[in-house]
C-alpha atoms as a PDB file:
ATOM      1  CA  MET A   1     107.051 -20.810  96.419  1.00  0.00           C
ATOM      2  CA  PRO A   2     105.457 -24.053  95.153  1.00  0.00           C
ATOM      3  CA  GLN A   3     101.786 -24.777  95.671  1.00  0.00           C
ATOM      4  CA  LEU A   4     100.740 -27.637  97.934  1.00  0.00           C
ATOM      5  CA  ASP A   5      99.190 -30.426  95.867  1.00  0.00           C
ATOM      6  CA  THR A   6      95.947 -31.420  97.588  1.00  0.00           C
ATOM      7  CA  SER A   7      94.499 -33.483  94.761  1.00  0.00           C
ATOM      8  CA  THR A   8      95.259 -36.805  96.496  1.00  0.00           C
ATOM      9  CA  TRP A   9      94.014 -35.804  99.950  1.00  0.00           C
ATOM     10  CA  PHE A  10      90.425 -36.897  99.358  1.00  0.00           C
ATOM     11  CA  ILE A  11      91.288 -40.451  98.292  1.00  0.00           C
ATOM     12  CA  THR A  12      93.873 -40.719 101.110  1.00  0.00           C
ATOM     13  CA  ILE A  13      91.419 -39.646 103.798  1.00  0.00           C
ATOM     14  CA  LEU A  14      88.627 -41.778 102.336  1.00  0.00           C
ATOM     15  CA  SER A  15      90.764 -44.919 102.121  1.00  0.00           C
ATOM     16  CA  SER A  16      92.110 -44.364 105.649  1.00  0.00           C
ATOM     17  CA  THR A  17      88.584 -43.982 107.024  1.00  0.00           C
ATOM     18  CA  ILE A  18      87.350 -47.132 105.270  1.00  0.00           C
ATOM     19  CA  THR A  19      90.388 -49.087 106.479  1.00  0.00           C
ATOM     20  CA  LEU A  20      89.917 -47.954 110.085  1.00  0.00           C
ATOM     21  CA  PHE A  21      86.217 -48.803 109.924  1.00  0.00           C
ATOM     22  CA  ALA A  22      86.967 -52.298 108.577  1.00  0.00           C
ATOM     23  CA  LEU A  23      89.626 -52.913 111.226  1.00  0.00           C
ATOM     24  CA  MET A  24      87.289 -51.829 114.032  1.00  0.00           C
ATOM     25  CA  GLN A  25      84.526 -54.071 112.675  1.00  0.00           C
ATOM     26  CA  LEU A  26      86.918 -57.021 112.614  1.00  0.00           C
ATOM     27  CA  LYS A  27      88.125 -56.264 116.135  1.00  0.00           C
ATOM     28  CA  ILE A  28      84.576 -56.028 117.487  1.00  0.00           C
ATOM     29  CA  SER A  29      83.452 -59.180 115.670  1.00  0.00           C
ATOM     30  CA  MET A  30      86.252 -61.183 117.331  1.00  0.00           C
ATOM     31  CA  MET A  31      84.961 -60.336 120.805  1.00  0.00           C
ATOM     32  CA  THR A  32      82.720 -62.750 122.645  1.00  0.00           C
ATOM     33  CA  PHE A  33      79.678 -61.466 124.468  1.00  0.00           C
ATOM     34  CA  PRO A  34      77.360 -63.388 126.830  1.00  0.00           C
ATOM     35  CA  LEU A  35      74.321 -64.634 124.965  1.00  0.00           C
ATOM     36  CA  SER A  36      71.707 -64.140 127.647  1.00  0.00           C
ATOM     37  CA  PRO A  37      72.779 -62.215 130.713  1.00  0.00           C
ATOM     38  CA  SER A  38      70.836 -63.203 133.768  1.00  0.00           C
ATOM     39  CA  ILE A  39      69.579 -60.759 136.345  1.00  0.00           C
ATOM     40  CA  LYS A  40      71.154 -61.196 139.743  1.00  0.00           C
ATOM     41  CA  TYR A  41      68.806 -60.337 142.564  1.00  0.00           C
ATOM     42  CA  THR A  42      70.453 -59.013 145.667  1.00  0.00           C
ATOM     43  CA  GLU A  43      68.740 -58.427 148.954  1.00  0.00           C
ATOM     44  CA  THR A  44      69.582 -55.257 150.770  1.00  0.00           C
ATOM     45  CA  MET A  45      70.204 -55.652 154.445  1.00  0.00           C
ATOM     46  CA  LYS A  46      68.050 -53.406 156.593  1.00  0.00           C
ATOM     47  CA  THR A  47      69.984 -51.793 159.407  1.00  0.00           C
ATOM     48  CA  GLU A  48      68.336 -50.158 162.358  1.00  0.00           C
ATOM     49  CA  ASN A  49      69.484 -46.597 162.795  1.00  0.00           C
ATOM     50  CA  PRO A  50      68.552 -44.618 165.888  1.00  0.00           C
ATOM     51  CA  TRP A  51      67.591 -41.560 163.840  1.00  0.00           C
ATOM     52  CA  GLU A  52      64.994 -43.504 161.879  1.00  0.00           C
ATOM     53  CA  LEU A  53      62.920 -44.063 164.995  1.00  0.00           C
ATOM     54  CA  LYS A  54      62.409 -40.450 165.949  1.00  0.00           C
ATOM     55  CA  TRP A  55      61.434 -37.315 164.080  1.00  0.00           C
ATOM     56  CA  THR A  56      64.152 -34.742 163.677  1.00  0.00           C
ATOM     57  CA  LYS A  57      63.958 -31.257 162.286  1.00  0.00           C
ATOM     58  CA  ILE A  58      66.728 -29.829 160.149  1.00  0.00           C
ATOM     59  CA  TYR A  59      67.256 -26.097 160.301  1.00  0.00           C
ATOM     60  CA  SER A  60      68.638 -24.297 157.297  1.00  0.00           C
ATOM     61  CA  PRO A  61      71.070 -21.508 158.261  1.00  0.00           C
ATOM     62  CA  LEU A  62      69.400 -19.195 155.749  1.00  0.00           C
ATOM     63  CA  LEU A  63      66.009 -19.572 157.442  1.00  0.00           C
ATOM     64  CA  LEU A  64      67.222 -18.636 160.925  1.00  0.00           C
ATOM     65  CA  LEU A  65      66.456 -15.167 162.213  1.00  0.00           C
ATOM     66  CA  PRO A  66      69.280 -12.656 162.028  1.00  0.00           C
ATOM     67  CA  GLN A  67      70.883 -11.978 165.371  1.00  0.00           C
END
């Protein structure tokens, strides 16, 4: 059974990695990005909820006495 020749694997993987890196750099460099993004201020609308006006107590089922 013949042996698998792996002597060229290193240069193949290295050249593929360098090529993919160069292609990604070219692809990213072709993109256009906004130079100075501005902050958009939005005002939140305050709604009146009936439960905000009164105090309510929330009971956890684990804290209730066993029956």
